[in-house]
Amino acid sequence: MLPMVEHALREQRAASQLRSTYIFPSHTGRPLNITNVRERVWKPALRRAGLRDRTMYQTRHTFATLALQTSEQIGWVSKQLGHTSDEIVIRHYAKFIPNLTRRDGSALTKVMQEQGLA
């Protein structure tokens, strides 16, 4: 887990002062109503940010894409997404993994040049 996320979760837990297993519980400690959150919080936040409508679930794809585009390890991204196999991430996000999408030999050429072999 990213340190900033871990910190935010700790702060949320302290702020809620509830002993719920949920990250964002209702005032009774139960899960929030997803329809209510989507309509009253999520969609207005998207509008204020100037973003088009998207589901909350799509932020998962955004996270994976950004992580892979910045060269995070596939195994780490898989773990963050809760996958038991890297294959799922590779299958769905290969086009965003720089080293998997480059098909020009430039990475090998660079290594060979650094080693004085080319």
PDB file of N, CA and C in Angstrom:
ATOM      1  N   MET A   1       0.848  -1.175   0.000  1.00  0.00           N
ATOM      2  CA  MET A   1       0.000   0.000   0.000  1.00  0.00           C
ATOM      3  C   MET A   1       0.894   1.239   0.000  1.00  0.00           C
ATOM      4  N   LEU A   2       0.512   2.210  -0.773  1.00  0.00           N
ATOM      5  CA  LEU A   2       1.273   3.455  -0.819  1.00  0.00           C
ATOM      6  C   LEU A   2       1.240   4.135   0.549  1.00  0.00           C
ATOM      7  N   PRO A   3       2.358   4.704   0.988  1.00  0.00           N
ATOM      8  CA  PRO A   3       2.392   5.362   2.296  1.00  0.00           C
ATOM      9  C   PRO A   3       1.311   6.429   2.463  1.00  0.00           C
ATOM     10  N   MET A   4       1.040   7.210   1.396  1.00  0.00           N
ATOM     11  CA  MET A   4       0.024   8.259   1.512  1.00  0.00           C
ATOM     12  C   MET A   4      -1.375   7.671   1.711  1.00  0.00           C
ATOM     13  N   VAL A   5      -1.619   6.509   1.143  1.00  0.00           N
ATOM     14  CA  VAL A   5      -2.917   5.849   1.312  1.00  0.00           C
ATOM     15  C   VAL A   5      -3.031   5.305   2.731  1.00  0.00           C
ATOM     16  N   GLU A   6      -1.960   4.690   3.203  1.00  0.00           N
ATOM     17  CA  GLU A   6      -1.951   4.162   4.569  1.00  0.00           C
ATOM     18  C   GLU A   6      -2.190   5.283   5.578  1.00  0.00           C
ATOM     19  N   HIS A   7      -1.552   6.424   5.358  1.00  0.00           N
ATOM     20  CA  HIS A   7      -1.727   7.582   6.236  1.00  0.00           C
ATOM     21  C   HIS A   7      -3.182   8.069   6.205  1.00  0.00           C
ATOM     22  N   ALA A   8      -3.746   8.176   5.012  1.00  0.00           N
ATOM     23  CA  ALA A   8      -5.137   8.632   4.875  1.00  0.00           C
ATOM     24  C   ALA A   8      -6.102   7.671   5.561  1.00  0.00           C
ATOM     25  N   LEU A   9      -5.835   6.374   5.458  1.00  0.00           N
ATOM     26  CA  LEU A   9      -6.702   5.391   6.115  1.00  0.00           C
ATOM     27  C   LEU A   9      -6.631   5.528   7.636  1.00  0.00           C
ATOM     28  N   ARG A  10      -5.433   5.749   8.147  1.00  0.00           N
ATOM     29  CA  ARG A  10      -5.296   5.941   9.599  1.00  0.00           C
ATOM     30  C   ARG A  10      -6.063   7.185  10.056  1.00  0.00           C
ATOM     31  N   GLU A  11      -5.946   8.254   9.285  1.00  0.00           N
ATOM     32  CA  GLU A  11      -6.661   9.485   9.634  1.00  0.00           C
ATOM     33  C   GLU A  11      -8.173   9.288   9.576  1.00  0.00           C
ATOM     34  N   GLN A  12      -8.645   8.566   8.553  1.00  0.00           N
ATOM     35  CA  GLN A  12     -10.073   8.309   8.423  1.00  0.00           C
ATOM     36  C   GLN A  12     -10.576   7.481   9.597  1.00  0.00           C
ATOM     37  N   ARG A  13      -9.810   6.474   9.979  1.00  0.00           N
ATOM     38  CA  ARG A  13     -10.186   5.614  11.103  1.00  0.00           C
ATOM     39  C   ARG A  13     -10.290   6.446  12.381  1.00  0.00           C
ATOM     40  N   ALA A  14      -9.326   7.333  12.601  1.00  0.00           N
ATOM     41  CA  ALA A  14      -9.345   8.182  13.793  1.00  0.00           C
ATOM     42  C   ALA A  14     -10.515   9.160  13.748  1.00  0.00           C
ATOM     43  N   ALA A  15     -10.779   9.720  12.573  1.00  0.00           N
ATOM     44  CA  ALA A  15     -11.861  10.700  12.436  1.00  0.00           C
ATOM     45  C   ALA A  15     -13.230  10.071  12.637  1.00  0.00           C
ATOM     46  N   SER A  16     -13.398   8.835  12.201  1.00  0.00           N
ATOM     47  CA  SER A  16     -14.715   8.198  12.307  1.00  0.00           C
ATOM     48  C   SER A  16     -15.034   7.807  13.739  1.00  0.00           C
ATOM     49  N   GLN A  17     -14.026   7.587  14.547  1.00  0.00           N
ATOM     50  CA  GLN A  17     -14.192   7.190  15.948  1.00  0.00           C
ATOM     51  C   GLN A  17     -15.132   6.007  16.103  1.00  0.00           C
ATOM     52  N   LEU A  18     -15.256   5.225  15.074  1.00  0.00           N
ATOM     53  CA  LEU A  18     -16.078   4.023  15.130  1.00  0.00           C
ATOM     54  C   LEU A  18     -15.174   2.811  15.051  1.00  0.00           C
ATOM     55  N   ARG A  19     -15.623   1.744  15.582  1.00  0.00           N
ATOM     56  CA  ARG A  19     -14.854   0.501  15.541  1.00  0.00           C
ATOM     57  C   ARG A  19     -15.408  -0.417  14.460  1.00  0.00           C
ATOM     58  N   SER A  20     -15.737   0.155  13.345  1.00  0.00           N
ATOM     59  CA  SER A  20     -16.306  -0.598  12.230  1.00  0.00           C
ATOM     60  C   SER A  20     -15.199  -1.227  11.401  1.00  0.00           C
ATOM     61  N   THR A  21     -15.519  -2.296  10.710  1.00  0.00           N
ATOM     62  CA  THR A  21     -14.564  -2.897   9.780  1.00  0.00           C
ATOM     63  C   THR A  21     -14.585  -2.166   8.440  1.00  0.00           C
ATOM     64  N   TYR A  22     -15.520  -1.249   8.258  1.00  0.00           N
ATOM     65  CA  TYR A  22     -15.638  -0.501   7.010  1.00  0.00           C
ATOM     66  C   TYR A  22     -14.799   0.770   7.076  1.00  0.00           C
ATOM     67  N   ILE A  23     -14.248   1.165   5.946  1.00  0.00           N
ATOM     68  CA  ILE A  23     -13.422   2.369   5.901  1.00  0.00           C
ATOM     69  C   ILE A  23     -14.277   3.618   6.040  1.00  0.00           C
ATOM     70  N   PHE A  24     -15.395   3.655   5.334  1.00  0.00           N
ATOM     71  CA  PHE A  24     -16.313   4.783   5.404  1.00  0.00           C
ATOM     72  C   PHE A  24     -17.678   4.281   5.872  1.00  0.00           C
ATOM     73  N   PRO A  25     -17.834   4.056   7.159  1.00  0.00           N
ATOM     74  CA  PRO A  25     -19.109   3.532   7.651  1.00  0.00           C
ATOM     75  C   PRO A  25     -20.162   4.631   7.792  1.00  0.00           C
ATOM     76  N   SER A  26     -21.404   4.198   7.857  1.00  0.00           N
ATOM     77  CA  SER A  26     -22.489   5.131   8.163  1.00  0.00           C
ATOM     78  C   SER A  26     -22.387   5.479   9.650  1.00  0.00           C
ATOM     79  N   HIS A  27     -23.244   6.357  10.109  1.00  0.00           N
ATOM     80  CA  HIS A  27     -23.205   6.735  11.526  1.00  0.00           C
ATOM     81  C   HIS A  27     -23.534   5.563  12.448  1.00  0.00           C
ATOM     82  N   THR A  28     -24.108   4.498  11.880  1.00  0.00           N
ATOM     83  CA  THR A  28     -24.406   3.305  12.683  1.00  0.00           C
ATOM     84  C   THR A  28     -23.312   2.247  12.572  1.00  0.00           C
ATOM     85  N   GLY A  29     -22.270   2.540  11.794  1.00  0.00           N
ATOM     86  CA  GLY A  29     -21.183   1.582  11.634  1.00  0.00           C
ATOM     87  C   GLY A  29     -21.393   0.595  10.503  1.00  0.00           C
ATOM     88  N   ARG A  30     -22.467   0.750   9.772  1.00  0.00           N
ATOM     89  CA  ARG A  30     -22.778  -0.144   8.651  1.00  0.00           C
ATOM     90  C   ARG A  30     -22.232   0.458   7.346  1.00  0.00           C
ATOM     91  N   PRO A  31     -22.234  -0.317   6.254  1.00  0.00           N
ATOM     92  CA  PRO A  31     -21.764   0.233   4.971  1.00  0.00           C
ATOM     93  C   PRO A  31     -22.653   1.382   4.498  1.00  0.00           C
ATOM     94  N   LEU A  32     -22.047   2.332   3.816  1.00  0.00           N
ATOM     95  CA  LEU A  32     -22.821   3.420   3.223  1.00  0.00           C
ATOM     96  C   LEU A  32     -23.636   2.889   2.049  1.00  0.00           C
ATOM     97  N   ASN A  33     -24.733   3.552   1.751  1.00  0.00           N
ATOM     98  CA  ASN A  33     -25.556   3.196   0.607  1.00  0.00           C
ATOM     99  C   ASN A  33     -24.852   3.703  -0.649  1.00  0.00           C
ATOM    100  N   ILE A  34     -24.442   2.787  -1.520  1.00  0.00           N
ATOM    101  CA  ILE A  34     -23.626   3.146  -2.684  1.00  0.00           C
ATOM    102  C   ILE A  34     -24.349   4.103  -3.635  1.00  0.00           C
ATOM    103  N   THR A  35     -25.647   3.932  -3.796  1.00  0.00           N
ATOM    104  CA  THR A  35     -26.406   4.830  -4.673  1.00  0.00           C
ATOM    105  C   THR A  35     -26.375   6.250  -4.119  1.00  0.00           C
ATOM    106  N   ASN A  36     -26.550   6.375  -2.831  1.00  0.00           N
ATOM    107  CA  ASN A  36     -26.515   7.680  -2.177  1.00  0.00           C
ATOM    108  C   ASN A  36     -25.136   8.324  -2.338  1.00  0.00           C
ATOM    109  N   VAL A  37     -24.081   7.558  -2.117  1.00  0.00           N
ATOM    110  CA  VAL A  37     -22.719   8.082  -2.263  1.00  0.00           C
ATOM    111  C   VAL A  37     -22.470   8.516  -3.707  1.00  0.00           C
ATOM    112  N   ARG A  38     -22.883   7.687  -4.650  1.00  0.00           N
ATOM    113  CA  ARG A  38     -22.658   7.997  -6.064  1.00  0.00           C
ATOM    114  C   ARG A  38     -23.368   9.293  -6.465  1.00  0.00           C
ATOM    115  N   GLU A  39     -24.620   9.433  -6.084  1.00  0.00           N
ATOM    116  CA  GLU A  39     -25.410  10.589  -6.516  1.00  0.00           C
ATOM    117  C   GLU A  39     -25.100  11.865  -5.733  1.00  0.00           C
ATOM    118  N   ARG A  40     -24.834  11.736  -4.440  1.00  0.00           N
ATOM    119  CA  ARG A  40     -24.655  12.924  -3.610  1.00  0.00           C
ATOM    120  C   ARG A  40     -23.204  13.347  -3.420  1.00  0.00           C
ATOM    121  N   VAL A  41     -22.272  12.421  -3.660  1.00  0.00           N
ATOM    122  CA  VAL A  41     -20.864  12.743  -3.438  1.00  0.00           C
ATOM    123  C   VAL A  41     -20.030  12.571  -4.711  1.00  0.00           C
ATOM    124  N   TRP A  42     -20.058  11.364  -5.285  1.00  0.00           N
ATOM    125  CA  TRP A  42     -19.187  11.039  -6.417  1.00  0.00           C
ATOM    126  C   TRP A  42     -19.443  11.913  -7.645  1.00  0.00           C
ATOM    127  N   LYS A  43     -20.681  11.927  -8.127  1.00  0.00           N
ATOM    128  CA  LYS A  43     -20.985  12.689  -9.344  1.00  0.00           C
ATOM    129  C   LYS A  43     -20.749  14.190  -9.178  1.00  0.00           C
ATOM    130  N   PRO A  44     -21.167  14.795  -8.057  1.00  0.00           N
ATOM    131  CA  PRO A  44     -20.851  16.215  -7.878  1.00  0.00           C
ATOM    132  C   PRO A  44     -19.338  16.481  -7.829  1.00  0.00           C
ATOM    133  N   ALA A  45     -18.577  15.565  -7.237  1.00  0.00           N
ATOM    134  CA  ALA A  45     -17.118  15.736  -7.184  1.00  0.00           C
ATOM    135  C   ALA A  45     -16.519  15.689  -8.587  1.00  0.00           C
ATOM    136  N   LEU A  46     -17.017  14.785  -9.421  1.00  0.00           N
ATOM    137  CA  LEU A  46     -16.537  14.718 -10.805  1.00  0.00           C
ATOM    138  C   LEU A  46     -16.836  16.018 -11.546  1.00  0.00           C
ATOM    139  N   ARG A  47     -18.047  16.530 -11.367  1.00  0.00           N
ATOM    140  CA  ARG A  47     -18.425  17.778 -12.039  1.00  0.00           C
ATOM    141  C   ARG A  47     -17.535  18.939 -11.579  1.00  0.00           C
ATOM    142  N   ARG A  48     -17.309  19.030 -10.262  1.00  0.00           N
ATOM    143  CA  ARG A  48     -16.460  20.112  -9.736  1.00  0.00           C
ATOM    144  C   ARG A  48     -15.036  20.010 -10.276  1.00  0.00           C
ATOM    145  N   ALA A  49     -14.572  18.783 -10.496  1.00  0.00           N
ATOM    146  CA  ALA A  49     -13.212  18.569 -11.014  1.00  0.00           C
ATOM    147  C   ALA A  49     -13.143  18.718 -12.529  1.00  0.00           C
ATOM    148  N   GLY A  50     -14.304  18.905 -13.162  1.00  0.00           N
ATOM    149  CA  GLY A  50     -14.333  19.047 -14.614  1.00  0.00           C
ATOM    150  C   GLY A  50     -14.118  17.739 -15.353  1.00  0.00           C
ATOM    151  N   LEU A  51     -14.452  16.634 -14.710  1.00  0.00           N
ATOM    152  CA  LEU A  51     -14.274  15.314 -15.321  1.00  0.00           C
ATOM    153  C   LEU A  51     -15.598  14.772 -15.827  1.00  0.00           C
ATOM    154  N   ARG A  52     -15.529  13.962 -16.860  1.00  0.00           N
ATOM    155  CA  ARG A  52     -16.735  13.326 -17.389  1.00  0.00           C
ATOM    156  C   ARG A  52     -17.199  12.244 -16.410  1.00  0.00           C
ATOM    157  N   ASP A  53     -18.451  11.856 -16.539  1.00  0.00           N
ATOM    158  CA  ASP A  53     -18.985  10.804 -15.672  1.00  0.00           C
ATOM    159  C   ASP A  53     -18.217   9.514 -15.865  1.00  0.00           C
ATOM    160  N   ARG A  54     -17.950   8.869 -14.771  1.00  0.00           N
ATOM    161  CA  ARG A  54     -17.291   7.564 -14.772  1.00  0.00           C
ATOM    162  C   ARG A  54     -17.677   6.871 -13.475  1.00  0.00           C
ATOM    163  N   THR A  55     -17.591   5.566 -13.489  1.00  0.00           N
ATOM    164  CA  THR A  55     -17.940   4.826 -12.280  1.00  0.00           C
ATOM    165  C   THR A  55     -16.785   4.894 -11.290  1.00  0.00           C
ATOM    166  N   MET A  56     -17.090   4.679 -10.031  1.00  0.00           N
ATOM    167  CA  MET A  56     -16.041   4.635  -9.024  1.00  0.00           C
ATOM    168  C   MET A  56     -15.074   3.498  -9.328  1.00  0.00           C
ATOM    169  N   TYR A  57     -15.589   2.416  -9.872  1.00  0.00           N
ATOM    170  CA  TYR A  57     -14.752   1.254 -10.189  1.00  0.00           C
ATOM    171  C   TYR A  57     -13.680   1.599 -11.220  1.00  0.00           C
ATOM    172  N   GLN A  58     -13.967   2.551 -12.091  1.00  0.00           N
ATOM    173  CA  GLN A  58     -12.991   2.932 -13.116  1.00  0.00           C
ATOM    174  C   GLN A  58     -11.726   3.539 -12.520  1.00  0.00           C
ATOM    175  N   THR A  59     -11.800   4.038 -11.294  1.00  0.00           N
ATOM    176  CA  THR A  59     -10.590   4.571 -10.666  1.00  0.00           C
ATOM    177  C   THR A  59      -9.576   3.451 -10.434  1.00  0.00           C
ATOM    178  N   ARG A  60     -10.047   2.230 -10.306  1.00  0.00           N
ATOM    179  CA  ARG A  60      -9.162   1.066 -10.169  1.00  0.00           C
ATOM    180  C   ARG A  60      -8.311   0.918 -11.436  1.00  0.00           C
ATOM    181  N   HIS A  61      -8.951   1.071 -12.592  1.00  0.00           N
ATOM    182  CA  HIS A  61      -8.234   0.975 -13.864  1.00  0.00           C
ATOM    183  C   HIS A  61      -7.258   2.143 -14.026  1.00  0.00           C
ATOM    184  N   THR A  62      -7.677   3.315 -13.591  1.00  0.00           N
ATOM    185  CA  THR A  62      -6.793   4.474 -13.654  1.00  0.00           C
ATOM    186  C   THR A  62      -5.551   4.228 -12.809  1.00  0.00           C
ATOM    187  N   PHE A  63      -5.748   3.703 -11.601  1.00  0.00           N
ATOM    188  CA  PHE A  63      -4.618   3.393 -10.724  1.00  0.00           C
ATOM    189  C   PHE A  63      -3.658   2.418 -11.404  1.00  0.00           C
ATOM    190  N   ALA A  64      -4.190   1.323 -11.929  1.00  0.00           N
ATOM    191  CA  ALA A  64      -3.344   0.304 -12.563  1.00  0.00           C
ATOM    192  C   ALA A  64      -2.588   0.885 -13.752  1.00  0.00           C
ATOM    193  N   THR A  65      -3.281   1.648 -14.569  1.00  0.00           N
ATOM    194  CA  THR A  65      -2.658   2.245 -15.753  1.00  0.00           C
ATOM    195  C   THR A  65      -1.530   3.193 -15.365  1.00  0.00           C
ATOM    196  N   LEU A  66      -1.793   4.084 -14.415  1.00  0.00           N
ATOM    197  CA  LEU A  66      -0.763   5.037 -13.993  1.00  0.00           C
ATOM    198  C   LEU A  66       0.430   4.329 -13.358  1.00  0.00           C
ATOM    199  N   ALA A  67       0.156   3.324 -12.546  1.00  0.00           N
ATOM    200  CA  ALA A  67       1.246   2.585 -11.899  1.00  0.00           C
ATOM    201  C   ALA A  67       2.131   1.915 -12.940  1.00  0.00           C
ATOM    202  N   LEU A  68       1.520   1.280 -13.904  1.00  0.00           N
ATOM    203  CA  LEU A  68       2.295   0.576 -14.926  1.00  0.00           C
ATOM    204  C   LEU A  68       3.017   1.540 -15.858  1.00  0.00           C
ATOM    205  N   GLN A  69       2.384   2.650 -16.192  1.00  0.00           N
ATOM    206  CA  GLN A  69       3.034   3.638 -17.061  1.00  0.00           C
ATOM    207  C   GLN A  69       4.251   4.274 -16.401  1.00  0.00           C
ATOM    208  N   THR A  70       4.272   4.270 -15.069  1.00  0.00           N
ATOM    209  CA  THR A  70       5.422   4.826 -14.353  1.00  0.00           C
ATOM    210  C   THR A  70       6.403   3.731 -13.951  1.00  0.00           C
ATOM    211  N   SER A  71       6.258   2.567 -14.583  1.00  0.00           N
ATOM    212  CA  SER A  71       7.186   1.436 -14.429  1.00  0.00           C
ATOM    213  C   SER A  71       7.169   0.761 -13.064  1.00  0.00           C
ATOM    214  N   GLU A  72       6.028   0.811 -12.366  1.00  0.00           N
ATOM    215  CA  GLU A  72       5.917   0.008 -11.146  1.00  0.00           C
ATOM    216  C   GLU A  72       5.948  -1.457 -11.557  1.00  0.00           C
ATOM    217  N   GLN A  73       6.441  -2.304 -10.680  1.00  0.00           N
ATOM    218  CA  GLN A  73       6.538  -3.730 -10.970  1.00  0.00           C
ATOM    219  C   GLN A  73       5.151  -4.344 -11.150  1.00  0.00           C
ATOM    220  N   ILE A  74       5.020  -5.205 -12.126  1.00  0.00           N
ATOM    221  CA  ILE A  74       3.738  -5.857 -12.415  1.00  0.00           C
ATOM    222  C   ILE A  74       3.235  -6.612 -11.192  1.00  0.00           C
ATOM    223  N   GLY A  75       4.129  -7.319 -10.514  1.00  0.00           N
ATOM    224  CA  GLY A  75       3.736  -8.082  -9.325  1.00  0.00           C
ATOM    225  C   GLY A  75       3.154  -7.207  -8.235  1.00  0.00           C
ATOM    226  N   TRP A  76       3.736  -6.026  -8.040  1.00  0.00           N
ATOM    227  CA  TRP A  76       3.234  -5.107  -7.021  1.00  0.00           C
ATOM    228  C   TRP A  76       1.844  -4.598  -7.403  1.00  0.00           C
ATOM    229  N   VAL A  77       1.683  -4.228  -8.674  1.00  0.00           N
ATOM    230  CA  VAL A  77       0.378  -3.742  -9.139  1.00  0.00           C
ATOM    231  C   VAL A  77      -0.666  -4.843  -8.981  1.00  0.00           C
ATOM    232  N   SER A  78      -0.320  -6.055  -9.354  1.00  0.00           N
ATOM    233  CA  SER A  78      -1.239  -7.192  -9.209  1.00  0.00           C
ATOM    234  C   SER A  78      -1.678  -7.342  -7.762  1.00  0.00           C
ATOM    235  N   LYS A  79      -0.716  -7.258  -6.855  1.00  0.00           N
ATOM    236  CA  LYS A  79      -1.021  -7.400  -5.423  1.00  0.00           C
ATOM    237  C   LYS A  79      -1.947  -6.284  -4.949  1.00  0.00           C
ATOM    238  N   GLN A  80      -1.679  -5.051  -5.378  1.00  0.00           N
ATOM    239  CA  GLN A  80      -2.523  -3.929  -4.973  1.00  0.00           C
ATOM    240  C   GLN A  80      -3.960  -4.098  -5.456  1.00  0.00           C
ATOM    241  N   LEU A  81      -4.113  -4.729  -6.618  1.00  0.00           N
ATOM    242  CA  LEU A  81      -5.448  -4.949  -7.181  1.00  0.00           C
ATOM    243  C   LEU A  81      -6.117  -6.191  -6.604  1.00  0.00           C
ATOM    244  N   GLY A  82      -5.374  -6.963  -5.813  1.00  0.00           N
ATOM    245  CA  GLY A  82      -5.936  -8.166  -5.206  1.00  0.00           C
ATOM    246  C   GLY A  82      -5.913  -9.383  -6.104  1.00  0.00           C
ATOM    247  N   HIS A  83      -5.114  -9.346  -7.162  1.00  0.00           N
ATOM    248  CA  HIS A  83      -5.028 -10.485  -8.074  1.00  0.00           C
ATOM    249  C   HIS A  83      -4.048 -11.519  -7.530  1.00  0.00           C
ATOM    250  N   THR A  84      -4.324 -12.777  -7.808  1.00  0.00           N
ATOM    251  CA  THR A  84      -3.425 -13.849  -7.381  1.00  0.00           C
ATOM    252  C   THR A  84      -2.404 -14.180  -8.455  1.00  0.00           C
ATOM    253  N   SER A  85      -2.575 -13.610  -9.635  1.00  0.00           N
ATOM    254  CA  SER A  85      -1.670 -13.887 -10.745  1.00  0.00           C
ATOM    255  C   SER A  85      -1.356 -12.599 -11.496  1.00  0.00           C
ATOM    256  N   ASP A  86      -0.103 -12.453 -11.908  1.00  0.00           N
ATOM    257  CA  ASP A  86       0.287 -11.295 -12.715  1.00  0.00           C
ATOM    258  C   ASP A  86      -0.335 -11.360 -14.106  1.00  0.00           C
ATOM    259  N   GLU A  87      -0.712 -12.544 -14.535  1.00  0.00           N
ATOM    260  CA  GLU A  87      -1.250 -12.753 -15.880  1.00  0.00           C
ATOM    261  C   GLU A  87      -2.470 -11.876 -16.149  1.00  0.00           C
ATOM    262  N   ILE A  88      -3.309 -11.697 -15.166  1.00  0.00           N
ATOM    263  CA  ILE A  88      -4.515 -10.876 -15.344  1.00  0.00           C
ATOM    264  C   ILE A  88      -4.123  -9.433 -15.662  1.00  0.00           C
ATOM    265  N   VAL A  89      -3.171  -8.904 -14.923  1.00  0.00           N
ATOM    266  CA  VAL A  89      -2.716  -7.532 -15.157  1.00  0.00           C
ATOM    267  C   VAL A  89      -2.063  -7.421 -16.530  1.00  0.00           C
ATOM    268  N   ILE A  90      -1.229  -8.381 -16.873  1.00  0.00           N
ATOM    269  CA  ILE A  90      -0.571  -8.352 -18.180  1.00  0.00           C
ATOM    270  C   ILE A  90      -1.601  -8.389 -19.301  1.00  0.00           C
ATOM    271  N   ARG A  91      -2.592  -9.260 -19.173  1.00  0.00           N
ATOM    272  CA  ARG A  91      -3.611  -9.399 -20.220  1.00  0.00           C
ATOM    273  C   ARG A  91      -4.416  -8.109 -20.408  1.00  0.00           C
ATOM    274  N   HIS A  92      -4.786  -7.469 -19.309  1.00  0.00           N
ATOM    275  CA  HIS A  92      -5.650  -6.288 -19.402  1.00  0.00           C
ATOM    276  C   HIS A  92      -4.897  -4.972 -19.605  1.00  0.00           C
ATOM    277  N   TYR A  93      -3.648  -4.919 -19.152  1.00  0.00           N
ATOM    278  CA  TYR A  93      -2.943  -3.637 -19.154  1.00  0.00           C
ATOM    279  C   TYR A  93      -1.632  -3.645 -19.933  1.00  0.00           C
ATOM    280  N   ALA A  94      -1.345  -4.682 -20.706  1.00  0.00           N
ATOM    281  CA  ALA A  94      -0.060  -4.790 -21.416  1.00  0.00           C
ATOM    282  C   ALA A  94       0.260  -3.551 -22.243  1.00  0.00           C
ATOM    283  N   LYS A  95      -0.743  -2.957 -22.849  1.00  0.00           N
ATOM    284  CA  LYS A  95      -0.478  -1.797 -23.708  1.00  0.00           C
ATOM    285  C   LYS A  95       0.028  -0.585 -22.928  1.00  0.00           C
ATOM    286  N   PHE A  96      -0.132  -0.616 -21.598  1.00  0.00           N
ATOM    287  CA  PHE A  96       0.327   0.502 -20.778  1.00  0.00           C
ATOM    288  C   PHE A  96       1.681   0.238 -20.127  1.00  0.00           C
ATOM    289  N   ILE A  97       2.228  -0.962 -20.323  1.00  0.00           N
ATOM    290  CA  ILE A  97       3.510  -1.314 -19.729  1.00  0.00           C
ATOM    291  C   ILE A  97       4.594  -0.988 -20.755  1.00  0.00           C
ATOM    292  N   PRO A  98       5.383   0.048 -20.498  1.00  0.00           N
ATOM    293  CA  PRO A  98       6.348   0.501 -21.508  1.00  0.00           C
ATOM    294  C   PRO A  98       7.236  -0.603 -22.076  1.00  0.00           C
ATOM    295  N   ASN A  99       7.790  -1.439 -21.245  1.00  0.00           N
ATOM    296  CA  ASN A  99       8.706  -2.466 -21.743  1.00  0.00           C
ATOM    297  C   ASN A  99       8.004  -3.577 -22.505  1.00  0.00           C
ATOM    298  N   LEU A 100       6.716  -3.756 -22.293  1.00  0.00           N
ATOM    299  CA  LEU A 100       5.990  -4.790 -23.025  1.00  0.00           C
ATOM    300  C   LEU A 100       5.457  -4.280 -24.355  1.00  0.00           C
ATOM    301  N   THR A 101       5.258  -2.981 -24.445  1.00  0.00           N
ATOM    302  CA  THR A 101       4.670  -2.446 -25.672  1.00  0.00           C
ATOM    303  C   THR A 101       5.724  -2.013 -26.681  1.00  0.00           C
ATOM    304  N   ARG A 102       6.933  -1.765 -26.215  1.00  0.00           N
ATOM    305  CA  ARG A 102       8.000  -1.359 -27.129  1.00  0.00           C
ATOM    306  C   ARG A 102       8.476  -2.591 -27.895  1.00  0.00           C
ATOM    307  N   ARG A 103       8.448  -2.531 -29.188  1.00  0.00           N
ATOM    308  CA  ARG A 103       8.822  -3.673 -30.016  1.00  0.00           C
ATOM    309  C   ARG A 103       9.918  -3.289 -31.015  1.00  0.00           C
ATOM    310  N   ASP A 104      10.834  -2.434 -30.547  1.00  0.00           N
ATOM    311  CA  ASP A 104      11.850  -1.948 -31.475  1.00  0.00           C
ATOM    312  C   ASP A 104      13.276  -2.316 -31.076  1.00  0.00           C
ATOM    313  N   GLY A 105      13.438  -3.048 -29.985  1.00  0.00           N
ATOM    314  CA  GLY A 105      14.771  -3.450 -29.557  1.00  0.00           C
ATOM    315  C   GLY A 105      15.556  -2.351 -28.867  1.00  0.00           C
ATOM    316  N   SER A 106      14.919  -1.220 -28.589  1.00  0.00           N
ATOM    317  CA  SER A 106      15.648  -0.084 -28.023  1.00  0.00           C
ATOM    318  C   SER A 106      16.191  -0.368 -26.622  1.00  0.00           C
ATOM    319  N   ALA A 107      15.468  -1.135 -25.822  1.00  0.00           N
ATOM    320  CA  ALA A 107      15.962  -1.448 -24.474  1.00  0.00           C
ATOM    321  C   ALA A 107      17.226  -2.296 -24.547  1.00  0.00           C
ATOM    322  N   LEU A 108      17.232  -3.293 -25.412  1.00  0.00           N
ATOM    323  CA  LEU A 108      18.407  -4.148 -25.583  1.00  0.00           C
ATOM    324  C   LEU A 108      19.567  -3.344 -26.166  1.00  0.00           C
ATOM    325  N   THR A 109      19.274  -2.504 -27.125  1.00  0.00           N
ATOM    326  CA  THR A 109      20.307  -1.659 -27.722  1.00  0.00           C
ATOM    327  C   THR A 109      20.950  -0.772 -26.661  1.00  0.00           C
ATOM    328  N   LYS A 110      20.136  -0.187 -25.794  1.00  0.00           N
ATOM    329  CA  LYS A 110      20.649   0.689 -24.736  1.00  0.00           C
ATOM    330  C   LYS A 110      21.592  -0.073 -23.811  1.00  0.00           C
ATOM    331  N   VAL A 111      21.191  -1.263 -23.375  1.00  0.00           N
ATOM    332  CA  VAL A 111      22.036  -2.070 -22.490  1.00  0.00           C
ATOM    333  C   VAL A 111      23.340  -2.428 -23.184  1.00  0.00           C
ATOM    334  N   MET A 112      23.243  -2.823 -24.426  1.00  0.00           N
ATOM    335  CA  MET A 112      24.452  -3.198 -25.173  1.00  0.00           C
ATOM    336  C   MET A 112      25.390  -2.003 -25.333  1.00  0.00           C
ATOM    337  N   GLN A 113      24.836  -0.828 -25.583  1.00  0.00           N
ATOM    338  CA  GLN A 113      25.656   0.378 -25.706  1.00  0.00           C
ATOM    339  C   GLN A 113      26.330   0.708 -24.375  1.00  0.00           C
ATOM    340  N   GLU A 114      25.584   0.567 -23.287  1.00  0.00           N
ATOM    341  CA  GLU A 114      26.144   0.839 -21.964  1.00  0.00           C
ATOM    342  C   GLU A 114      27.287  -0.117 -21.637  1.00  0.00           C
ATOM    343  N   GLN A 115      27.203  -1.332 -22.159  1.00  0.00           N
ATOM    344  CA  GLN A 115      28.241  -2.341 -21.919  1.00  0.00           C
ATOM    345  C   GLN A 115      29.365  -2.277 -22.958  1.00  0.00           C
ATOM    346  N   GLY A 116      29.249  -1.337 -23.882  1.00  0.00           N
ATOM    347  CA  GLY A 116      30.261  -1.186 -24.920  1.00  0.00           C
ATOM    348  C   GLY A 116      30.223  -2.292 -25.963  1.00  0.00           C
ATOM    349  N   LEU A 117      29.060  -2.907 -26.128  1.00  0.00           N
ATOM    350  CA  LEU A 117      28.918  -4.010 -27.080  1.00  0.00           C
ATOM    351  C   LEU A 117      28.318  -3.574 -28.404  1.00  0.00           C
ATOM    352  N   ALA A 118      27.904  -2.343 -28.500  1.00  0.00           N
ATOM    353  CA  ALA A 118      27.285  -1.890 -29.751  1.00  0.00           C
ATOM    354  C   ALA A 118      27.824  -0.537 -30.146  1.00  0.00           C
TER     355      ALA A 118
END
